[in-house]
Amino acid sequence: MVDKKIAHRLSNRRCVVGTIHSAACLKAALFIRPQALDFFEIRIDSFIGREEHLLRQLPKLKLPLIVTVRDHAEGGACPLTNAKRREYYGRFLPYAAMVDVELRSASSLGDVISNAQKRGIKIILSYHNFQKTPKLQALSQLADKARRAGADIFKVAVTISSPADFATLLLFQAKAKMPLSVMGMGSYGKISRLVFAQSGSALNYGYLGSAQVPGQWPALLLKQRVEELMAA
């Protein structure tokens, strides 16, 4: 049932995700109407030591949840072993509509992916590069690897430093053989997120409290801008 609902939600619009990565974000999320955004991402790695409080609050949230325990090497809030990450994914999996696992962790956390799939939970495999935009061939190879590893959506978040980087990502998006979530960080971040959303990015992330990386939009404003573009 969850799978059908989420598939319907994803198929009907460029979804906007509000990321919950602090107590302030969580407090704000509790007051957000179901129509205001499409998903919340719960960054479990930002709530280590406070996960019991987070678990009590999750049933109060009015949107489907993306559960993420981010690897420290790709921007996670604290270093966690794979065993601990596996434990946290297991505890929060019953609340998830989707789970996000880094592509680099797809093998070591393969049981998390298979358990989610058995529950009808969609899989996001993600790649983050805070230094640069890889070449088109490298991005295409990563997407192929993500598809083979069971991804329903491949998420790419990279730093854009030039118009050439921007063009590379647009071409990557145009040639994709699977659903993508594409976003830029850095000075081109904000404009890139609008363009990628307009070009079909399945999940488009914004912040609820404060930005985590340069180039992010406030989630509610991003939702408004994406809807304006789609209506034009």
Protein backbone atom coordinates (compact mmCIF):
# COMPACT_ATOMS: atom_id res chain seq x y z
CA MET A 1 0.00 0.00 0.00
CA VAL A 2 2.77 2.44 0.88
CA ASP A 3 4.51 1.67 -2.40
CA LYS A 4 1.40 2.49 -4.48
CA LYS A 5 0.78 5.75 -2.65
CA ILE A 6 4.37 6.90 -3.00
CA ALA A 7 4.53 5.87 -6.65
CA HIS A 8 1.42 7.93 -7.30
CA ARG A 9 2.88 10.93 -5.48
CA LEU A 10 6.15 10.70 -7.41
CA SER A 11 4.44 10.30 -10.77
CA ASN A 12 2.30 13.39 -10.49
CA ARG A 13 4.82 16.15 -9.80
CA ARG A 14 8.40 17.21 -9.13
CA CYS A 15 8.37 16.50 -5.42
CA VAL A 16 9.83 18.88 -2.86
CA VAL A 17 11.43 17.45 0.26
CA GLY A 18 11.89 19.31 3.54
CA THR A 19 14.95 18.05 5.42
CA ILE A 20 14.70 17.60 9.20
CA HIS A 21 18.21 17.77 10.64
CA SER A 22 17.77 19.60 13.95
CA ALA A 23 15.34 20.10 16.81
CA ALA A 24 14.29 23.41 15.24
CA CYS A 25 13.55 21.69 11.92
CA LEU A 26 11.50 19.03 13.67
CA LYS A 27 9.49 21.65 15.54
CA ALA A 28 8.79 23.51 12.29
CA ALA A 29 7.83 20.29 10.50
CA LEU A 30 5.10 19.53 13.04
CA PHE A 31 3.18 22.60 11.82
CA ILE A 32 3.52 22.03 8.08
CA ARG A 33 0.29 21.18 6.24
CA PRO A 34 0.14 18.00 4.11
CA GLN A 35 -0.23 20.05 0.90
CA ALA A 36 2.69 22.37 1.62
CA LEU A 37 5.44 19.85 0.75
CA ASP A 38 5.63 16.31 -0.60
CA PHE A 39 8.05 14.52 1.75
CA PHE A 40 10.15 15.02 4.84
CA GLU A 41 13.66 13.62 5.03
CA ILE A 42 14.55 12.50 8.55
CA ARG A 43 18.32 12.76 9.02
CA ILE A 44 18.78 10.24 11.82
CA ASP A 45 22.52 10.96 11.99
CA SER A 46 21.66 14.44 13.29
CA PHE A 47 19.62 13.03 16.20
CA ILE A 48 22.04 10.54 17.73
CA GLY A 49 21.34 10.44 21.47
CA ARG A 50 17.89 11.95 20.89
CA GLU A 51 16.39 9.21 18.75
CA GLU A 52 13.77 8.22 21.34
CA HIS A 53 12.34 11.75 21.27
CA LEU A 54 12.42 11.69 17.47
CA LEU A 55 10.59 8.36 17.36
CA ARG A 56 7.82 9.79 19.56
CA GLN A 57 7.39 12.76 17.22
CA LEU A 58 7.33 10.92 13.88
CA PRO A 59 3.66 9.82 14.05
CA LYS A 60 2.70 13.49 14.39
CA LEU A 61 4.26 14.45 11.04
CA LYS A 62 1.76 14.79 8.21
CA LEU A 63 3.93 13.82 5.23
CA PRO A 64 5.60 10.60 4.01
CA LEU A 65 9.12 10.17 5.36
CA ILE A 66 12.50 9.53 3.74
CA VAL A 67 14.73 7.90 6.34
CA THR A 68 18.45 8.66 6.05
CA VAL A 69 21.39 7.72 8.26
CA ARG A 70 24.05 9.59 6.33
CA ASP A 71 27.64 8.34 6.10
CA HIS A 72 30.01 10.84 7.71
CA ALA A 73 32.16 10.74 4.55
CA GLU A 74 29.24 12.16 2.55
CA GLY A 75 28.09 14.82 4.98
CA GLY A 76 26.73 12.84 7.94
CA ALA A 77 26.52 14.74 11.22
CA CYS A 78 28.62 12.23 13.16
CA PRO A 79 30.81 9.21 12.42
CA LEU A 80 28.91 5.95 12.79
CA THR A 81 29.95 2.40 12.08
CA ASN A 82 27.98 0.46 9.52
CA ALA A 83 26.69 -1.70 12.37
CA LYS A 84 25.25 1.36 14.14
CA ARG A 85 23.82 2.74 10.91
CA ARG A 86 22.20 -0.64 10.25
CA GLU A 87 20.69 -0.53 13.73
CA TYR A 88 19.25 2.95 13.26
CA TYR A 89 17.82 2.12 9.84
CA GLY A 90 16.15 -0.91 11.39
CA ARG A 91 14.54 1.12 14.17
CA PHE A 92 13.16 3.77 11.83
CA LEU A 93 12.25 1.57 8.87
CA PRO A 94 8.62 1.08 10.02
CA TYR A 95 8.06 4.83 9.53
CA ALA A 96 9.69 5.09 6.11
CA ALA A 97 8.12 5.63 2.71
CA MET A 98 11.63 5.68 1.24
CA VAL A 99 15.16 5.11 2.51
CA ASP A 100 18.29 6.89 1.33
CA VAL A 101 21.57 4.96 1.37
CA GLU A 102 24.79 6.22 -0.23
CA LEU A 103 25.76 4.31 -3.36
CA ARG A 104 29.14 3.63 -1.75
CA SER A 105 27.31 1.87 1.11
CA ALA A 106 24.94 -0.17 -1.05
CA SER A 107 26.97 -3.34 -0.57
CA SER A 108 27.81 -2.98 3.13
CA LEU A 109 24.20 -2.00 3.91
CA GLY A 110 22.65 -4.43 1.46
CA ASP A 111 20.47 -5.96 4.17
CA VAL A 112 18.94 -2.52 4.86
CA ILE A 113 18.05 -2.23 1.18
CA SER A 114 16.60 -5.74 0.95
CA ASN A 115 14.57 -5.30 4.15
CA ALA A 116 13.14 -2.05 2.81
CA GLN A 117 12.27 -3.65 -0.52
CA LYS A 118 10.44 -6.48 1.23
CA ARG A 119 8.26 -3.84 2.93
CA GLY A 120 7.51 -2.06 -0.36
CA ILE A 121 9.70 0.90 0.65
CA LYS A 122 11.36 2.70 -2.24
CA ILE A 123 15.14 2.94 -2.43
CA ILE A 124 17.14 6.11 -3.03
CA LEU A 125 20.82 5.49 -3.66
CA SER A 126 22.79 8.72 -3.40
CA TYR A 127 26.09 10.26 -4.39
CA HIS A 128 27.50 13.47 -2.89
CA ASN A 129 30.56 15.36 -4.07
CA PHE A 130 31.38 18.55 -2.16
CA GLN A 131 34.38 19.42 -4.35
CA LYS A 132 33.29 19.15 -7.98
CA THR A 133 30.95 17.88 -10.68
CA PRO A 134 32.26 14.61 -12.17
CA LYS A 135 32.45 14.15 -15.93
CA LEU A 136 29.39 12.88 -17.80
CA GLN A 137 30.82 9.40 -18.30
CA ALA A 138 31.56 9.03 -14.58
CA LEU A 139 28.04 10.15 -13.65
CA SER A 140 26.52 7.71 -16.14
CA GLN A 141 28.60 4.87 -14.70
CA LEU A 142 27.42 5.76 -11.19
CA ALA A 143 23.80 5.74 -12.35
CA ASP A 144 24.24 2.32 -13.96
CA LYS A 145 25.77 1.02 -10.73
CA ALA A 146 22.87 2.46 -8.70
CA ARG A 147 20.29 0.85 -10.99
CA ARG A 148 21.99 -2.54 -10.70
CA ALA A 149 22.11 -2.15 -6.91
CA GLY A 150 18.33 -1.77 -6.70
CA ALA A 151 17.77 1.99 -6.73
CA ASP A 152 14.33 3.32 -7.59
CA ILE A 153 15.83 6.82 -7.65
CA PHE A 154 19.48 7.85 -8.01
CA LYS A 155 20.24 11.07 -6.13
CA VAL A 156 23.19 13.21 -7.21
CA ALA A 157 24.28 16.27 -5.19
CA VAL A 158 27.48 17.88 -6.46
CA THR A 159 29.26 21.23 -6.38
CA ILE A 160 28.75 23.27 -9.55
CA SER A 161 31.62 25.68 -10.25
CA SER A 162 31.01 26.70 -13.86
CA PRO A 163 28.44 26.78 -16.68
CA ALA A 164 30.19 23.70 -18.08
CA ASP A 165 29.41 21.79 -14.87
CA PHE A 166 25.81 22.93 -15.14
CA ALA A 167 25.63 21.72 -18.74
CA THR A 168 27.14 18.36 -17.77
CA LEU A 169 24.41 17.73 -15.20
CA LEU A 170 21.65 18.77 -17.59
CA LEU A 171 22.99 16.37 -20.22
CA PHE A 172 23.28 13.63 -17.60
CA GLN A 173 19.66 14.24 -16.63
CA ALA A 174 18.52 14.21 -20.27
CA LYS A 175 20.27 10.89 -20.99
CA ALA A 176 19.20 9.13 -17.78
CA LYS A 177 17.65 5.67 -17.99
CA MET A 178 16.15 5.83 -14.49
CA PRO A 179 14.49 8.43 -12.22
CA LEU A 180 16.98 10.95 -10.86
CA SER A 181 17.12 13.50 -8.09
CA VAL A 182 19.67 16.08 -9.21
CA MET A 183 20.85 19.14 -7.31
CA GLY A 184 23.76 21.53 -7.25
CA MET A 185 25.68 23.02 -4.37
CA GLY A 186 27.69 26.24 -4.31
CA SER A 187 27.15 29.50 -6.18
CA TYR A 188 25.03 27.83 -8.88
CA GLY A 189 23.06 25.83 -6.33
CA LYS A 190 19.83 27.80 -6.14
CA ILE A 191 19.34 28.35 -9.84
CA SER A 192 20.34 24.74 -10.59
CA ARG A 193 17.70 23.32 -8.27
CA LEU A 194 14.95 25.16 -10.11
CA VAL A 195 16.24 24.12 -13.52
CA PHE A 196 16.71 20.48 -12.53
CA ALA A 197 13.24 20.37 -11.00
CA GLN A 198 11.75 21.82 -14.18
CA SER A 199 13.72 19.23 -16.16
CA GLY A 200 12.24 16.33 -14.21
CA SER A 201 14.23 15.85 -11.01
CA ALA A 202 12.02 13.53 -8.95
CA LEU A 203 13.03 14.83 -5.51
CA ASN A 204 14.09 18.42 -4.85
CA TYR A 205 15.41 19.19 -1.40
CA GLY A 206 15.04 22.34 0.71
CA TYR A 207 15.65 23.21 4.34
CA LEU A 208 13.21 23.88 7.16
CA GLY A 209 15.47 25.51 9.75
CA SER A 210 18.81 26.58 8.29
CA ALA A 211 20.70 25.58 5.16
CA GLN A 212 23.15 22.69 5.47
CA VAL A 213 25.14 23.54 2.33
CA PRO A 214 25.42 26.66 0.11
CA GLY A 215 22.81 26.83 -2.62
CA GLN A 216 19.79 25.39 -0.82
CA TRP A 217 16.33 26.94 -0.84
CA PRO A 218 13.93 27.13 2.08
CA ALA A 219 11.69 24.13 1.39
CA LEU A 220 8.37 26.01 1.41
CA LEU A 221 9.69 28.66 -0.98
CA LEU A 222 11.20 26.01 -3.24
CA LYS A 223 7.81 24.29 -3.43
CA GLN A 224 6.20 27.57 -4.44
CA ARG A 225 8.81 28.29 -7.11
CA VAL A 226 8.63 24.76 -8.57
CA GLU A 227 4.85 24.97 -8.81
CA GLU A 228 5.14 28.36 -10.55
CA LEU A 229 7.51 26.87 -13.11
CA MET A 230 5.29 23.87 -13.74
CA ALA A 231 2.25 26.10 -14.22
CA ALA A 232 4.01 28.40 -16.71
